[in-house]
N, C-alpha and C. Protein backbone atom coordinates (compact mmCIF):
# COMPACT_ATOMS: atom_id res chain seq x y z
N UNK A 1 114.18 96.16 99.39
CA UNK A 1 114.56 95.23 99.28
C UNK A 1 114.04 94.75 101.15
N UNK A 2 114.00 93.21 101.10
CA UNK A 2 113.10 92.52 102.38
C UNK A 2 113.76 92.91 103.89
N UNK A 3 113.09 92.77 104.62
CA UNK A 3 114.33 92.85 106.23
C UNK A 3 115.02 91.46 106.48
N UNK A 4 114.58 90.58 105.97
CA UNK A 4 114.37 89.01 106.38
C UNK A 4 114.12 88.44 105.18
N UNK A 5 115.30 87.32 104.78
CA UNK A 5 114.87 86.45 103.64
C UNK A 5 115.68 85.28 103.66
N UNK A 6 114.16 84.32 104.33
CA UNK A 6 114.36 83.45 104.12
C UNK A 6 114.50 82.42 102.57
N UNK A 7 115.75 80.99 102.81
CA UNK A 7 115.14 80.22 101.74
C UNK A 7 114.42 79.13 102.41
N UNK A 8 113.23 78.58 101.92
CA UNK A 8 112.43 77.27 101.91
C UNK A 8 112.72 76.16 101.14
N UNK A 9 112.84 74.90 101.68
CA UNK A 9 112.86 73.63 101.11
C UNK A 9 112.30 72.90 101.29
N UNK A 10 110.99 72.09 100.65
CA UNK A 10 110.70 70.83 100.50
C UNK A 10 111.38 69.60 100.23
N UNK A 11 112.10 68.67 101.34
CA UNK A 11 112.14 67.83 100.43
C UNK A 11 112.00 66.35 100.71
N UNK A 12 111.99 65.30 100.54
CA UNK A 12 111.10 63.99 100.37
C UNK A 12 112.49 63.34 99.40
N UNK A 13 113.58 62.13 99.77
CA UNK A 13 114.59 61.82 99.81
C UNK A 13 115.23 62.18 98.75
N UNK A 14 115.99 61.87 98.08
CA UNK A 14 117.40 62.30 97.45
C UNK A 14 118.38 63.26 98.68
N UNK A 15 119.30 62.75 98.97
CA UNK A 15 119.83 63.42 100.11
C UNK A 15 121.26 63.64 99.78
N UNK A 16 121.03 62.93 98.97
CA UNK A 16 122.27 63.62 98.25
C UNK A 16 122.59 64.42 96.96
N UNK A 17 121.26 64.64 96.56
CA UNK A 17 120.82 65.68 95.94
C UNK A 17 120.77 67.15 97.01
N UNK A 18 120.15 67.30 97.90
CA UNK A 18 120.13 67.66 99.47
C UNK A 18 121.06 68.47 99.53
N UNK A 19 122.06 67.74 100.14
CA UNK A 19 123.24 68.28 99.95
C UNK A 19 124.32 68.78 99.42
N UNK A 20 124.18 68.33 97.55
CA UNK A 20 124.40 69.40 96.50
C UNK A 20 124.29 70.51 97.20
N UNK A 21 122.66 70.73 97.10
CA UNK A 21 122.42 71.94 97.18
C UNK A 21 122.52 72.67 98.49
N UNK A 22 122.34 72.11 99.33
CA UNK A 22 123.28 72.93 100.03
C UNK A 22 124.83 73.47 99.72
N UNK A 23 125.25 72.96 99.75
CA UNK A 23 126.54 72.94 99.29
C UNK A 23 127.18 74.48 98.46
N UNK A 24 125.96 74.26 97.80
CA UNK A 24 125.85 75.51 96.53
C UNK A 24 125.27 76.39 97.31
N UNK A 25 124.59 76.83 98.22
CA UNK A 25 124.05 77.66 98.81
C UNK A 25 124.65 78.47 100.26
N UNK A 26 125.69 76.56 100.88
CA UNK A 26 126.12 77.53 101.46
C UNK A 26 127.72 79.01 100.98
N UNK A 27 128.22 78.09 99.68
CA UNK A 27 129.44 79.00 99.31
C UNK A 27 128.94 80.25 98.50
N UNK A 28 127.32 80.24 98.39
CA UNK A 28 127.25 81.32 97.95
C UNK A 28 127.13 82.94 98.28
N UNK A 29 127.74 84.36 98.17
CA UNK A 29 127.54 85.33 99.42
C UNK A 29 125.72 85.38 99.22
N UNK A 30 125.51 85.52 100.75
CA UNK A 30 124.19 86.63 101.43
C UNK A 30 123.93 87.85 101.42
N UNK A 31 123.00 88.07 100.81
CA UNK A 31 122.89 89.66 101.28
C UNK A 31 122.49 89.93 103.60
N UNK A 32 122.78 91.01 103.55
CA UNK A 32 122.61 90.49 105.07
C UNK A 32 121.87 90.38 105.22
N UNK A 33 120.53 90.43 104.19
CA UNK A 33 119.45 89.74 104.94
C UNK A 33 118.28 88.71 105.44
N UNK A 34 119.97 87.70 104.30
CA UNK A 34 119.34 86.38 104.93
C UNK A 34 119.60 85.69 106.34
N UNK A 35 118.17 85.16 106.44
CA UNK A 35 118.20 84.61 108.03
C UNK A 35 118.60 83.48 108.45
N UNK A 36 118.30 82.88 107.44
CA UNK A 36 118.78 81.04 107.11
C UNK A 36 117.98 80.22 106.32
N UNK A 37 117.80 78.70 106.09
CA UNK A 37 117.45 77.71 105.21
C UNK A 37 116.97 76.66 105.75
N UNK A 38 115.40 77.17 106.26
CA UNK A 38 114.39 75.51 106.48
C UNK A 38 114.39 74.99 105.92
N UNK A 39 114.54 73.38 105.32
CA UNK A 39 114.36 72.06 104.86
C UNK A 39 113.59 71.70 105.78
N UNK A 40 112.62 71.11 104.56
CA UNK A 40 111.43 70.45 105.53
C UNK A 40 111.36 68.96 105.48
N UNK A 41 111.26 68.30 105.47
CA UNK A 41 111.59 66.40 104.68
C UNK A 41 109.83 66.61 105.50
N UNK A 42 109.56 65.78 104.65
CA UNK A 42 107.70 65.16 104.23
C UNK A 42 108.05 64.26 103.54
N UNK A 43 107.21 63.37 105.14
CA UNK A 43 107.02 61.52 104.02
C UNK A 43 107.96 60.19 104.42
N UNK A 44 108.66 59.51 104.30
CA UNK A 44 109.76 58.68 105.17
C UNK A 44 110.93 59.88 104.82
N UNK A 45 111.15 59.09 106.12
CA UNK A 45 112.56 60.29 106.81
C UNK A 45 113.05 58.58 105.91
N UNK A 46 114.41 59.53 105.77
CA UNK A 46 115.52 59.45 104.42
C UNK A 46 116.01 59.82 104.11
N UNK A 47 116.91 60.58 105.67
CA UNK A 47 118.62 60.50 105.77
C UNK A 47 118.65 62.15 105.31
N UNK A 48 117.88 62.98 104.87
CA UNK A 48 117.63 64.20 105.84
C UNK A 48 118.28 65.00 106.10
N UNK A 49 118.07 64.70 107.25
CA UNK A 49 118.58 65.24 109.22
C UNK A 49 119.99 65.65 108.89
N UNK A 50 120.54 63.97 108.70
CA UNK A 50 122.39 64.20 109.05
C UNK A 50 122.65 65.70 107.86
N UNK A 51 122.28 65.09 106.67
CA UNK A 51 123.17 65.69 105.69
C UNK A 51 123.30 67.72 105.82
N UNK A 52 121.28 68.08 106.27
CA UNK A 52 121.32 69.21 106.70
C UNK A 52 122.47 69.81 108.24
N UNK A 53 122.09 69.33 109.28
CA UNK A 53 123.21 68.85 110.65
C UNK A 53 124.16 69.52 110.01
N UNK A 54 125.00 68.40 108.50
CA UNK A 54 126.69 68.74 108.96
C UNK A 54 126.94 69.86 108.17
N UNK A 55 126.43 71.11 108.70
CA UNK A 55 126.99 71.42 107.43
C UNK A 55 127.24 73.08 109.31
N UNK A 56 127.26 73.60 109.58
CA UNK A 56 128.25 74.56 110.38
C UNK A 56 127.20 76.15 110.25
N UNK A 57 127.06 75.58 111.82
CA UNK A 57 126.22 76.41 112.58
C UNK A 57 126.29 77.77 111.79
N UNK A 58 126.64 78.50 111.02
CA UNK A 58 126.59 79.54 110.77
C UNK A 58 126.08 80.01 109.42
N UNK A 59 126.11 78.16 108.81
CA UNK A 59 125.37 78.62 107.22
C UNK A 59 123.76 78.64 107.69
N UNK A 60 122.88 78.20 109.39
CA UNK A 60 121.64 78.59 109.21
C UNK A 60 120.71 78.11 108.85
N UNK A 61 121.53 77.07 108.31
CA UNK A 61 120.76 75.70 107.52
C UNK A 61 120.03 74.99 109.06
N UNK A 62 118.38 75.01 108.73
CA UNK A 62 118.29 73.84 109.55
C UNK A 62 116.38 72.51 108.82
N UNK A 63 116.57 71.95 110.28
CA UNK A 63 115.67 70.93 109.46
C UNK A 63 114.70 70.38 110.37
N UNK A 64 112.79 70.35 110.25
CA UNK A 64 111.79 70.19 110.65
C UNK A 64 111.56 68.94 109.50
N UNK A 65 111.57 68.04 110.35
CA UNK A 65 109.85 66.87 110.37
C UNK A 65 108.68 67.13 110.29
N UNK A 66 108.03 66.29 109.10
CA UNK A 66 106.64 65.92 108.70
C UNK A 66 106.18 65.14 108.46
N UNK A 67 105.43 64.25 109.02
CA UNK A 67 104.79 63.15 108.31
C UNK A 67 104.69 62.92 107.67
N UNK A 68 103.40 64.16 107.08
CA UNK A 68 102.44 63.57 105.75
C UNK A 68 103.63 63.85 104.39
N UNK A 69 103.47 62.93 103.43
CA UNK A 69 104.12 62.89 102.23
C UNK A 69 103.06 64.32 101.06
N UNK A 70 103.67 65.60 101.63
CA UNK A 70 103.16 66.13 100.96
C UNK A 70 103.55 67.59 100.76
N UNK A 71 104.25 67.77 99.11
CA UNK A 71 105.20 69.16 99.33
C UNK A 71 104.14 70.52 99.62
N UNK A 72 102.82 70.03 99.85
CA UNK A 72 102.18 71.68 99.62
C UNK A 72 102.19 71.91 101.50
N UNK A 73 101.69 70.85 102.21
CA UNK A 73 101.96 70.73 103.83
C UNK A 73 102.64 70.77 104.23
N UNK A 74 103.95 70.75 103.52
CA UNK A 74 105.97 70.62 103.90
C UNK A 74 105.51 72.32 104.21
N UNK A 75 106.10 72.39 102.73
CA UNK A 75 106.05 73.95 102.56
C UNK A 75 104.98 75.11 103.46
N UNK A 76 103.45 74.77 104.21
CA UNK A 76 102.67 75.85 104.67
C UNK A 76 103.27 75.47 106.27
N UNK A 77 103.98 74.21 106.85
CA UNK A 77 103.70 74.07 107.76
C UNK A 77 105.36 75.16 108.10
N UNK A 78 106.08 74.50 107.78
CA UNK A 78 107.55 75.32 106.95
C UNK A 78 107.15 77.47 107.37
N UNK A 79 106.17 78.03 106.62
CA UNK A 79 105.51 78.40 106.46
C UNK A 79 104.88 79.52 108.51
N UNK A 80 105.10 78.28 108.50
CA UNK A 80 104.34 79.08 109.45
C UNK A 80 105.31 79.14 111.20
N UNK A 81 106.40 78.85 110.99
CA UNK A 81 107.25 79.12 111.54
C UNK A 81 108.89 80.24 111.04
N UNK A 82 108.55 80.78 110.13
CA UNK A 82 109.64 82.34 109.10
C UNK A 82 108.27 83.49 109.79
N UNK A 83 109.64 83.81 110.84
CA UNK A 83 109.18 85.35 109.93
C UNK A 83 109.13 86.04 109.47
N UNK A 84 108.59 87.03 109.43
CA UNK A 84 108.10 88.03 108.33
C UNK A 84 108.88 88.94 107.26
N UNK A 85 109.14 88.36 105.53
CA UNK A 85 110.00 88.60 105.00
C UNK A 85 109.70 88.11 104.17
N UNK A 86 111.26 88.05 102.99
CA UNK A 86 110.55 87.26 101.88
C UNK A 86 110.85 86.02 102.15
N UNK A 87 110.72 85.01 101.18
CA UNK A 87 110.01 83.70 101.57
C UNK A 87 110.98 83.15 100.46
N UNK A 88 111.54 82.70 100.14
CA UNK A 88 112.27 81.84 98.33
C UNK A 88 112.16 80.76 98.44
N UNK A 89 111.52 79.86 97.94
CA UNK A 89 110.84 78.45 97.77
C UNK A 89 111.52 78.16 96.85
N UNK A 90 112.26 77.16 96.89
CA UNK A 90 112.12 76.49 95.53
C UNK A 90 111.71 74.84 95.54
N UNK A 91 111.72 74.54 94.18
CA UNK A 91 111.82 73.50 93.45
C UNK A 91 112.17 72.61 93.29
């Protein structure tokens, strides 16, 4: 098993849906290798950052904003910030 497990989410629009996704993740039992979840908001800002920041710090949810509206670009920017390990990318 990987020493580090990350969840990487590219998000554009639909902050309510992201909130439900993060709530589900917050309730899930995570393995000891879980390091955190990075949400990369891309394109026009649409309220995603406040949703991510509304969760307790112990959930280890983080937000990154990139201006370019491009999912692949957002995921690649996120990957540049995460340490080596297993990265689970959602769709």
